[in-house]
Full PDB file with SEQRES, HELIX, SHEET, SSBOND, CRYST1, ORIGX, SCALE, CONECT and MASTER records, all heavy atoms in Angstrom:
SEQRES   1 A   34  VAL ALA GLY VAL VAL PHE ALA LEU LEU ALA ASP GLN ILE          
SEQRES   2 A   34  ALA TRP THR ALA VAL LEU LEU ILE ALA VAL GLY ALA THR          
SEQRES   3 A   34  VAL GLY GLY ARG LEU GLY ALA ALA                              
HELIX    1 AA1 ALA A    2  LEU A    9  1                                   8    
HELIX    2 AA2 TRP A   15  ALA A   33  1                                  19    
CRYST1    1.000    1.000    1.000  90.00  90.00  90.00 P 1           1          
ORIGX1      1.000000  0.000000  0.000000        0.00000                         
ORIGX2      0.000000  1.000000  0.000000        0.00000                         
ORIGX3      0.000000  0.000000  1.000000        0.00000                         
SCALE1      1.000000  0.000000  0.000000        0.00000                         
SCALE2      0.000000  1.000000  0.000000        0.00000                         
SCALE3      0.000000  0.000000  1.000000        0.00000                         
ATOM      1  N   VAL A   1    -149.575 -53.104 221.427  1.00  0.00           N  
ATOM      2  CA  VAL A   1    -148.962 -52.046 222.003  1.00  0.00           C  
ATOM      3  C   VAL A   1    -147.800 -52.402 223.025  1.00  0.00           C  
ATOM      4  O   VAL A   1    -146.709 -51.912 222.974  1.00  0.00           O  
ATOM      5  CB  VAL A   1    -150.012 -51.086 222.758  1.00  0.00           C  
ATOM      6  CG1 VAL A   1    -149.234 -50.047 223.546  1.00  0.00           C  
ATOM      7  CG2 VAL A   1    -150.890 -50.477 221.738  1.00  0.00           C  
ATOM      8  N   ALA A   2    -148.290 -53.308 224.005  1.00  0.00           N  
ATOM      9  CA  ALA A   2    -147.252 -53.836 224.960  1.00  0.00           C  
ATOM     10  C   ALA A   2    -145.988 -54.553 224.207  1.00  0.00           C  
ATOM     11  O   ALA A   2    -144.858 -54.330 224.601  1.00  0.00           O  
ATOM     12  CB  ALA A   2    -147.875 -54.761 225.939  1.00  0.00           C  
ATOM     13  N   GLY A   3    -146.374 -55.280 223.118  1.00  0.00           N  
ATOM     14  CA  GLY A   3    -145.267 -56.031 222.390  1.00  0.00           C  
ATOM     15  C   GLY A   3    -144.314 -54.993 221.856  1.00  0.00           C  
ATOM     16  O   GLY A   3    -143.047 -55.373 221.877  1.00  0.00           O  
ATOM     17  N   VAL A   4    -144.795 -54.007 221.179  1.00  0.00           N  
ATOM     18  CA  VAL A   4    -143.926 -52.995 220.588  1.00  0.00           C  
ATOM     19  C   VAL A   4    -142.995 -52.332 221.752  1.00  0.00           C  
ATOM     20  O   VAL A   4    -141.847 -52.149 221.422  1.00  0.00           O  
ATOM     21  CB  VAL A   4    -144.781 -51.945 219.882  1.00  0.00           C  
ATOM     22  CG1 VAL A   4    -143.804 -50.792 219.384  1.00  0.00           C  
ATOM     23  CG2 VAL A   4    -145.475 -52.583 218.655  1.00  0.00           C  
ATOM     24  N   VAL A   5    -143.564 -51.985 222.822  1.00  0.00           N  
ATOM     25  CA  VAL A   5    -142.841 -51.392 223.893  1.00  0.00           C  
ATOM     26  C   VAL A   5    -141.738 -52.426 224.356  1.00  0.00           C  
ATOM     27  O   VAL A   5    -140.533 -51.966 224.462  1.00  0.00           O  
ATOM     28  CB  VAL A   5    -143.690 -51.070 225.124  1.00  0.00           C  
ATOM     29  CG1 VAL A   5    -142.840 -50.660 226.234  1.00  0.00           C  
ATOM     30  CG2 VAL A   5    -144.667 -49.948 224.729  1.00  0.00           C  
ATOM     31  N   PHE A   6    -142.116 -53.716 224.558  1.00  0.00           N  
ATOM     32  CA  PHE A   6    -141.188 -54.752 224.917  1.00  0.00           C  
ATOM     33  C   PHE A   6    -139.999 -54.954 223.898  1.00  0.00           C  
ATOM     34  O   PHE A   6    -138.833 -55.064 224.149  1.00  0.00           O  
ATOM     35  CB  PHE A   6    -141.824 -55.954 225.201  1.00  0.00           C  
ATOM     36  CG  PHE A   6    -142.786 -55.973 226.401  1.00  0.00           C  
ATOM     37  CD1 PHE A   6    -143.901 -56.780 226.429  1.00  0.00           C  
ATOM     38  CD2 PHE A   6    -142.694 -55.022 227.470  1.00  0.00           C  
ATOM     39  CE1 PHE A   6    -144.848 -56.761 227.496  1.00  0.00           C  
ATOM     40  CE2 PHE A   6    -143.582 -54.995 228.499  1.00  0.00           C  
ATOM     41  CZ  PHE A   6    -144.677 -55.851 228.424  1.00  0.00           C  
ATOM     42  N   ALA A   7    -140.445 -54.973 222.685  1.00  0.00           N  
ATOM     43  CA  ALA A   7    -139.471 -55.193 221.568  1.00  0.00           C  
ATOM     44  C   ALA A   7    -138.428 -54.066 221.448  1.00  0.00           C  
ATOM     45  O   ALA A   7    -137.242 -54.290 221.177  1.00  0.00           O  
ATOM     46  CB  ALA A   7    -140.113 -55.442 220.256  1.00  0.00           C  
ATOM     47  N   LEU A   8    -138.868 -52.898 221.780  1.00  0.00           N  
ATOM     48  CA  LEU A   8    -137.965 -51.738 221.706  1.00  0.00           C  
ATOM     49  C   LEU A   8    -137.200 -51.487 222.945  1.00  0.00           C  
ATOM     50  O   LEU A   8    -136.048 -51.016 222.888  1.00  0.00           O  
ATOM     51  CB  LEU A   8    -138.778 -50.533 221.365  1.00  0.00           C  
ATOM     52  CG  LEU A   8    -139.589 -50.411 219.974  1.00  0.00           C  
ATOM     53  CD1 LEU A   8    -140.388 -49.125 219.864  1.00  0.00           C  
ATOM     54  CD2 LEU A   8    -138.396 -50.520 218.914  1.00  0.00           C  
ATOM     55  N   LEU A   9    -137.761 -51.780 224.080  1.00  0.00           N  
ATOM     56  CA  LEU A   9    -137.184 -51.317 225.404  1.00  0.00           C  
ATOM     57  C   LEU A   9    -136.704 -52.432 226.298  1.00  0.00           C  
ATOM     58  O   LEU A   9    -135.958 -52.097 227.260  1.00  0.00           O  
ATOM     59  CB  LEU A   9    -138.142 -50.469 226.120  1.00  0.00           C  
ATOM     60  CG  LEU A   9    -138.564 -49.147 225.312  1.00  0.00           C  
ATOM     61  CD1 LEU A   9    -139.521 -48.254 226.186  1.00  0.00           C  
ATOM     62  CD2 LEU A   9    -137.246 -48.260 224.989  1.00  0.00           C  
ATOM     63  N   ALA A  10    -137.217 -53.686 226.072  1.00  0.00           N  
ATOM     64  CA  ALA A  10    -136.849 -54.728 227.160  1.00  0.00           C  
ATOM     65  C   ALA A  10    -135.382 -55.156 226.963  1.00  0.00           C  
ATOM     66  O   ALA A  10    -134.841 -55.162 225.963  1.00  0.00           O  
ATOM     67  CB  ALA A  10    -137.745 -55.974 226.871  1.00  0.00           C  
ATOM     68  N   ASP A  11    -134.782 -55.425 228.148  1.00  0.00           N  
ATOM     69  CA  ASP A  11    -133.321 -55.778 228.128  1.00  0.00           C  
ATOM     70  C   ASP A  11    -133.214 -57.210 227.370  1.00  0.00           C  
ATOM     71  O   ASP A  11    -132.204 -57.359 226.743  1.00  0.00           O  
ATOM     72  CB  ASP A  11    -132.826 -55.889 229.626  1.00  0.00           C  
ATOM     73  CG  ASP A  11    -132.824 -54.570 230.197  1.00  0.00           C  
ATOM     74  OD1 ASP A  11    -132.620 -53.544 229.602  1.00  0.00           O  
ATOM     75  OD2 ASP A  11    -132.957 -54.430 231.498  1.00  0.00           O  
ATOM     76  N   GLN A  12    -134.073 -58.070 227.699  1.00  0.00           N  
ATOM     77  CA  GLN A  12    -133.953 -59.411 227.111  1.00  0.00           C  
ATOM     78  C   GLN A  12    -135.289 -59.903 226.558  1.00  0.00           C  
ATOM     79  O   GLN A  12    -136.326 -59.684 227.200  1.00  0.00           O  
ATOM     80  CB  GLN A  12    -133.426 -60.481 228.136  1.00  0.00           C  
ATOM     81  CG  GLN A  12    -131.951 -60.276 228.455  1.00  0.00           C  
ATOM     82  CD  GLN A  12    -131.442 -61.350 229.397  1.00  0.00           C  
ATOM     83  OE1 GLN A  12    -132.039 -61.629 230.500  1.00  0.00           O  
ATOM     84  NE2 GLN A  12    -130.536 -62.062 229.084  1.00  0.00           N  
ATOM     85  N   ILE A  13    -135.176 -60.631 225.390  1.00  0.00           N  
ATOM     86  CA  ILE A  13    -136.417 -61.303 224.834  1.00  0.00           C  
ATOM     87  C   ILE A  13    -135.980 -62.674 224.350  1.00  0.00           C  
ATOM     88  O   ILE A  13    -134.979 -62.753 223.714  1.00  0.00           O  
ATOM     89  CB  ILE A  13    -137.040 -60.412 223.687  1.00  0.00           C  
ATOM     90  CG1 ILE A  13    -137.538 -59.060 224.171  1.00  0.00           C  
ATOM     91  CG2 ILE A  13    -138.154 -61.191 223.012  1.00  0.00           C  
ATOM     92  CD1 ILE A  13    -137.963 -58.164 223.119  1.00  0.00           C  
ATOM     93  N   ALA A  14    -136.722 -63.723 224.718  1.00  0.00           N  
ATOM     94  CA  ALA A  14    -136.376 -65.033 224.228  1.00  0.00           C  
ATOM     95  C   ALA A  14    -137.048 -65.227 222.837  1.00  0.00           C  
ATOM     96  O   ALA A  14    -138.212 -65.792 222.647  1.00  0.00           O  
ATOM     97  CB  ALA A  14    -136.918 -66.004 225.204  1.00  0.00           C  
ATOM     98  N   TRP A  15    -136.381 -64.903 221.839  1.00  0.00           N  
ATOM     99  CA  TRP A  15    -136.980 -64.796 220.454  1.00  0.00           C  
ATOM    100  C   TRP A  15    -137.358 -66.122 219.984  1.00  0.00           C  
ATOM    101  O   TRP A  15    -138.183 -66.379 219.199  1.00  0.00           O  
ATOM    102  CB  TRP A  15    -136.064 -64.088 219.407  1.00  0.00           C  
ATOM    103  CG  TRP A  15    -136.005 -62.605 219.777  1.00  0.00           C  
ATOM    104  CD1 TRP A  15    -134.974 -61.816 220.216  1.00  0.00           C  
ATOM    105  CD2 TRP A  15    -137.002 -61.624 219.539  1.00  0.00           C  
ATOM    106  NE1 TRP A  15    -135.380 -60.571 220.300  1.00  0.00           N  
ATOM    107  CE2 TRP A  15    -136.559 -60.393 219.881  1.00  0.00           C  
ATOM    108  CE3 TRP A  15    -138.298 -61.834 218.995  1.00  0.00           C  
ATOM    109  CZ2 TRP A  15    -137.297 -59.286 219.725  1.00  0.00           C  
ATOM    110  CZ3 TRP A  15    -139.114 -60.687 218.908  1.00  0.00           C  
ATOM    111  CH2 TRP A  15    -138.681 -59.316 219.281  1.00  0.00           C  
ATOM    112  N   THR A  16    -136.520 -67.188 220.395  1.00  0.00           N  
ATOM    113  CA  THR A  16    -136.978 -68.575 219.968  1.00  0.00           C  
ATOM    114  C   THR A  16    -138.371 -69.028 220.559  1.00  0.00           C  
ATOM    115  O   THR A  16    -139.169 -69.481 219.792  1.00  0.00           O  
ATOM    116  CB  THR A  16    -135.921 -69.545 220.480  1.00  0.00           C  
ATOM    117  OG1 THR A  16    -134.556 -69.255 219.891  1.00  0.00           O  
ATOM    118  CG2 THR A  16    -136.245 -70.979 219.994  1.00  0.00           C  
ATOM    119  N   ALA A  17    -138.599 -68.626 221.842  1.00  0.00           N  
ATOM    120  CA  ALA A  17    -139.853 -68.887 222.419  1.00  0.00           C  
ATOM    121  C   ALA A  17    -140.943 -68.033 221.792  1.00  0.00           C  
ATOM    122  O   ALA A  17    -142.057 -68.505 221.478  1.00  0.00           O  
ATOM    123  CB  ALA A  17    -139.818 -68.533 223.884  1.00  0.00           C  
ATOM    124  N   VAL A  18    -140.615 -66.804 221.467  1.00  0.00           N  
ATOM    125  CA  VAL A  18    -141.589 -65.802 220.744  1.00  0.00           C  
ATOM    126  C   VAL A  18    -142.036 -66.452 219.397  1.00  0.00           C  
ATOM    127  O   VAL A  18    -143.142 -66.572 219.205  1.00  0.00           O  
ATOM    128  CB  VAL A  18    -140.990 -64.467 220.446  1.00  0.00           C  
ATOM    129  CG1 VAL A  18    -141.812 -63.772 219.588  1.00  0.00           C  
ATOM    130  CG2 VAL A  18    -140.790 -63.732 221.863  1.00  0.00           C  
ATOM    131  N   LEU A  19    -141.100 -67.114 218.666  1.00  0.00           N  
ATOM    132  CA  LEU A  19    -141.393 -67.627 217.361  1.00  0.00           C  
ATOM    133  C   LEU A  19    -142.254 -68.818 217.469  1.00  0.00           C  
ATOM    134  O   LEU A  19    -143.316 -68.962 216.741  1.00  0.00           O  
ATOM    135  CB  LEU A  19    -140.101 -67.975 216.602  1.00  0.00           C  
ATOM    136  CG  LEU A  19    -140.265 -68.618 215.173  1.00  0.00           C  
ATOM    137  CD1 LEU A  19    -140.998 -67.599 214.339  1.00  0.00           C  
ATOM    138  CD2 LEU A  19    -138.963 -68.957 214.653  1.00  0.00           C  
ATOM    139  N   LEU A  20    -141.901 -69.710 218.412  1.00  0.00           N  
ATOM    140  CA  LEU A  20    -142.542 -70.997 218.731  1.00  0.00           C  
ATOM    141  C   LEU A  20    -144.048 -70.636 219.046  1.00  0.00           C  
ATOM    142  O   LEU A  20    -145.045 -71.167 218.555  1.00  0.00           O  
ATOM    143  CB  LEU A  20    -141.898 -71.836 219.716  1.00  0.00           C  
ATOM    144  CG  LEU A  20    -140.623 -72.359 219.302  1.00  0.00           C  
ATOM    145  CD1 LEU A  20    -139.923 -73.019 220.385  1.00  0.00           C  
ATOM    146  CD2 LEU A  20    -140.860 -73.447 218.134  1.00  0.00           C  
ATOM    147  N   ILE A  21    -144.266 -69.762 220.066  1.00  0.00           N  
ATOM    148  CA  ILE A  21    -145.608 -69.409 220.479  1.00  0.00           C  
ATOM    149  C   ILE A  21    -146.364 -68.608 219.376  1.00  0.00           C  
ATOM    150  O   ILE A  21    -147.576 -68.969 219.186  1.00  0.00           O  
ATOM    151  CB  ILE A  21    -145.490 -68.462 221.714  1.00  0.00           C  
ATOM    152  CG1 ILE A  21    -144.998 -69.221 222.956  1.00  0.00           C  
ATOM    153  CG2 ILE A  21    -146.860 -67.803 222.073  1.00  0.00           C  
ATOM    154  CD1 ILE A  21    -144.732 -68.240 224.174  1.00  0.00           C  
ATOM    155  N   ALA A  22    -145.690 -67.812 218.553  1.00  0.00           N  
ATOM    156  CA  ALA A  22    -146.382 -67.200 217.519  1.00  0.00           C  
ATOM    157  C   ALA A  22    -146.917 -68.062 216.441  1.00  0.00           C  
ATOM    158  O   ALA A  22    -148.104 -67.995 216.017  1.00  0.00           O  
ATOM    159  CB  ALA A  22    -145.462 -66.094 216.875  1.00  0.00           C  
ATOM    160  N   VAL A  23    -146.105 -69.079 216.044  1.00  0.00           N  
ATOM    161  CA  VAL A  23    -146.652 -70.102 215.059  1.00  0.00           C  
ATOM    162  C   VAL A  23    -147.754 -70.873 215.627  1.00  0.00           C  
ATOM    163  O   VAL A  23    -148.820 -70.961 214.979  1.00  0.00           O  
ATOM    164  CB  VAL A  23    -145.462 -71.010 214.726  1.00  0.00           C  
ATOM    165  CG1 VAL A  23    -146.103 -72.143 213.808  1.00  0.00           C  
ATOM    166  CG2 VAL A  23    -144.408 -70.305 213.931  1.00  0.00           C  
ATOM    167  N   GLY A  24    -147.669 -71.261 216.830  1.00  0.00           N  
ATOM    168  CA  GLY A  24    -148.718 -72.188 217.423  1.00  0.00           C  
ATOM    169  C   GLY A  24    -149.971 -71.233 217.693  1.00  0.00           C  
ATOM    170  O   GLY A  24    -151.030 -71.709 217.344  1.00  0.00           O  
ATOM    171  N   ALA A  25    -149.839 -70.040 218.196  1.00  0.00           N  
ATOM    172  CA  ALA A  25    -150.987 -69.254 218.503  1.00  0.00           C  
ATOM    173  C   ALA A  25    -151.725 -68.728 217.152  1.00  0.00           C  
ATOM    174  O   ALA A  25    -152.959 -68.537 217.272  1.00  0.00           O  
ATOM    175  CB  ALA A  25    -150.521 -67.999 219.330  1.00  0.00           C  
ATOM    176  N   THR A  26    -150.996 -68.594 216.063  1.00  0.00           N  
ATOM    177  CA  THR A  26    -151.699 -68.151 214.917  1.00  0.00           C  
ATOM    178  C   THR A  26    -152.686 -69.341 214.394  1.00  0.00           C  
ATOM    179  O   THR A  26    -153.715 -69.133 214.052  1.00  0.00           O  
ATOM    180  CB  THR A  26    -150.614 -67.938 213.807  1.00  0.00           C  
ATOM    181  OG1 THR A  26    -149.739 -66.793 214.154  1.00  0.00           O  
ATOM    182  CG2 THR A  26    -151.280 -67.492 212.406  1.00  0.00           C  
ATOM    183  N   VAL A  27    -152.216 -70.572 214.492  1.00  0.00           N  
ATOM    184  CA  VAL A  27    -153.008 -71.725 214.141  1.00  0.00           C  
ATOM    185  C   VAL A  27    -154.147 -71.792 215.093  1.00  0.00           C  
ATOM    186  O   VAL A  27    -155.324 -71.995 214.749  1.00  0.00           O  
ATOM    187  CB  VAL A  27    -152.210 -72.975 214.072  1.00  0.00           C  
ATOM    188  CG1 VAL A  27    -153.104 -74.155 213.761  1.00  0.00           C  
ATOM    189  CG2 VAL A  27    -151.237 -72.840 212.927  1.00  0.00           C  
ATOM    190  N   GLY A  28    -153.779 -71.647 216.368  1.00  0.00           N  
ATOM    191  CA  GLY A  28    -154.827 -71.796 217.399  1.00  0.00           C  
ATOM    192  C   GLY A  28    -155.854 -70.720 217.454  1.00  0.00           C  
ATOM    193  O   GLY A  28    -157.086 -70.953 217.693  1.00  0.00           O  
ATOM    194  N   GLY A  29    -155.431 -69.466 216.969  1.00  0.00           N  
ATOM    195  CA  GLY A  29    -156.351 -68.289 216.926  1.00  0.00           C  
ATOM    196  C   GLY A  29    -157.500 -68.653 215.901  1.00  0.00           C  
ATOM    197  O   GLY A  29    -158.606 -68.360 216.159  1.00  0.00           O  
ATOM    198  N   ARG A  30    -157.118 -69.154 214.689  1.00  0.00           N  
ATOM    199  CA  ARG A  30    -158.074 -69.568 213.711  1.00  0.00           C  
ATOM    200  C   ARG A  30    -159.067 -70.557 214.198  1.00  0.00           C  
ATOM    201  O   ARG A  30    -160.197 -70.636 213.964  1.00  0.00           O  
ATOM    202  CB  ARG A  30    -157.413 -69.856 212.439  1.00  0.00           C  
ATOM    203  CG  ARG A  30    -156.614 -68.725 211.759  1.00  0.00           C  
ATOM    204  CD  ARG A  30    -157.611 -67.500 211.496  1.00  0.00           C  
ATOM    205  NE  ARG A  30    -158.862 -67.957 210.724  1.00  0.00           N  
ATOM    206  CZ  ARG A  30    -158.899 -67.985 209.391  1.00  0.00           C  
ATOM    207  NH1 ARG A  30    -157.771 -67.773 208.690  1.00  0.00           N  
ATOM    208  NH2 ARG A  30    -159.931 -68.408 208.757  1.00  0.00           N  
ATOM    209  N   LEU A  31    -158.345 -71.613 214.840  1.00  0.00           N  
ATOM    210  CA  LEU A  31    -159.165 -72.725 215.257  1.00  0.00           C  
ATOM    211  C   LEU A  31    -160.164 -72.273 216.418  1.00  0.00           C  
ATOM    212  O   LEU A  31    -161.303 -72.843 216.469  1.00  0.00           O  
ATOM    213  CB  LEU A  31    -158.151 -73.847 215.869  1.00  0.00           C  
ATOM    214  CG  LEU A  31    -157.510 -74.635 214.772  1.00  0.00           C  
ATOM    215  CD1 LEU A  31    -156.526 -75.648 215.405  1.00  0.00           C  
ATOM    216  CD2 LEU A  31    -158.327 -75.373 213.806  1.00  0.00           C  
ATOM    217  N   GLY A  32    -159.687 -71.558 217.337  1.00  0.00           N  
ATOM    218  CA  GLY A  32    -160.561 -70.954 218.447  1.00  0.00           C  
ATOM    219  C   GLY A  32    -161.669 -70.236 217.963  1.00  0.00           C  
ATOM    220  O   GLY A  32    -162.809 -70.345 218.435  1.00  0.00           O  
ATOM    221  N   ALA A  33    -161.499 -69.372 216.961  1.00  0.00           N  
ATOM    222  CA  ALA A  33    -162.596 -68.527 216.464  1.00  0.00           C  
ATOM    223  C   ALA A  33    -163.618 -69.506 215.735  1.00  0.00           C  
ATOM    224  O   ALA A  33    -164.733 -69.187 215.874  1.00  0.00           O  
ATOM    225  CB  ALA A  33    -162.030 -67.507 215.517  1.00  0.00           C  
ATOM    226  N   ALA A  34    -163.180 -70.559 215.084  1.00  0.00           N  
ATOM    227  CA  ALA A  34    -164.015 -71.401 214.453  1.00  0.00           C  
ATOM    228  C   ALA A  34    -164.835 -72.334 215.242  1.00  0.00           C  
ATOM    229  O   ALA A  34    -165.994 -72.640 214.999  1.00  0.00           O  
ATOM    230  CB  ALA A  34    -163.308 -72.232 213.401  1.00  0.00           C  
TER     231      ALA A  34                                                      
MASTER        0    0    0    2    0    0    0    6  230    1    0    3          
END                                                                             
């Protein structure tokens, strides 16, 4: 919910950082659950 608000309304977003964190966090999320 917060991410949608930020994507629509925030003045600036560091999309390169978003992509890097997203890739890492997706792998990490599966590892953490396991």
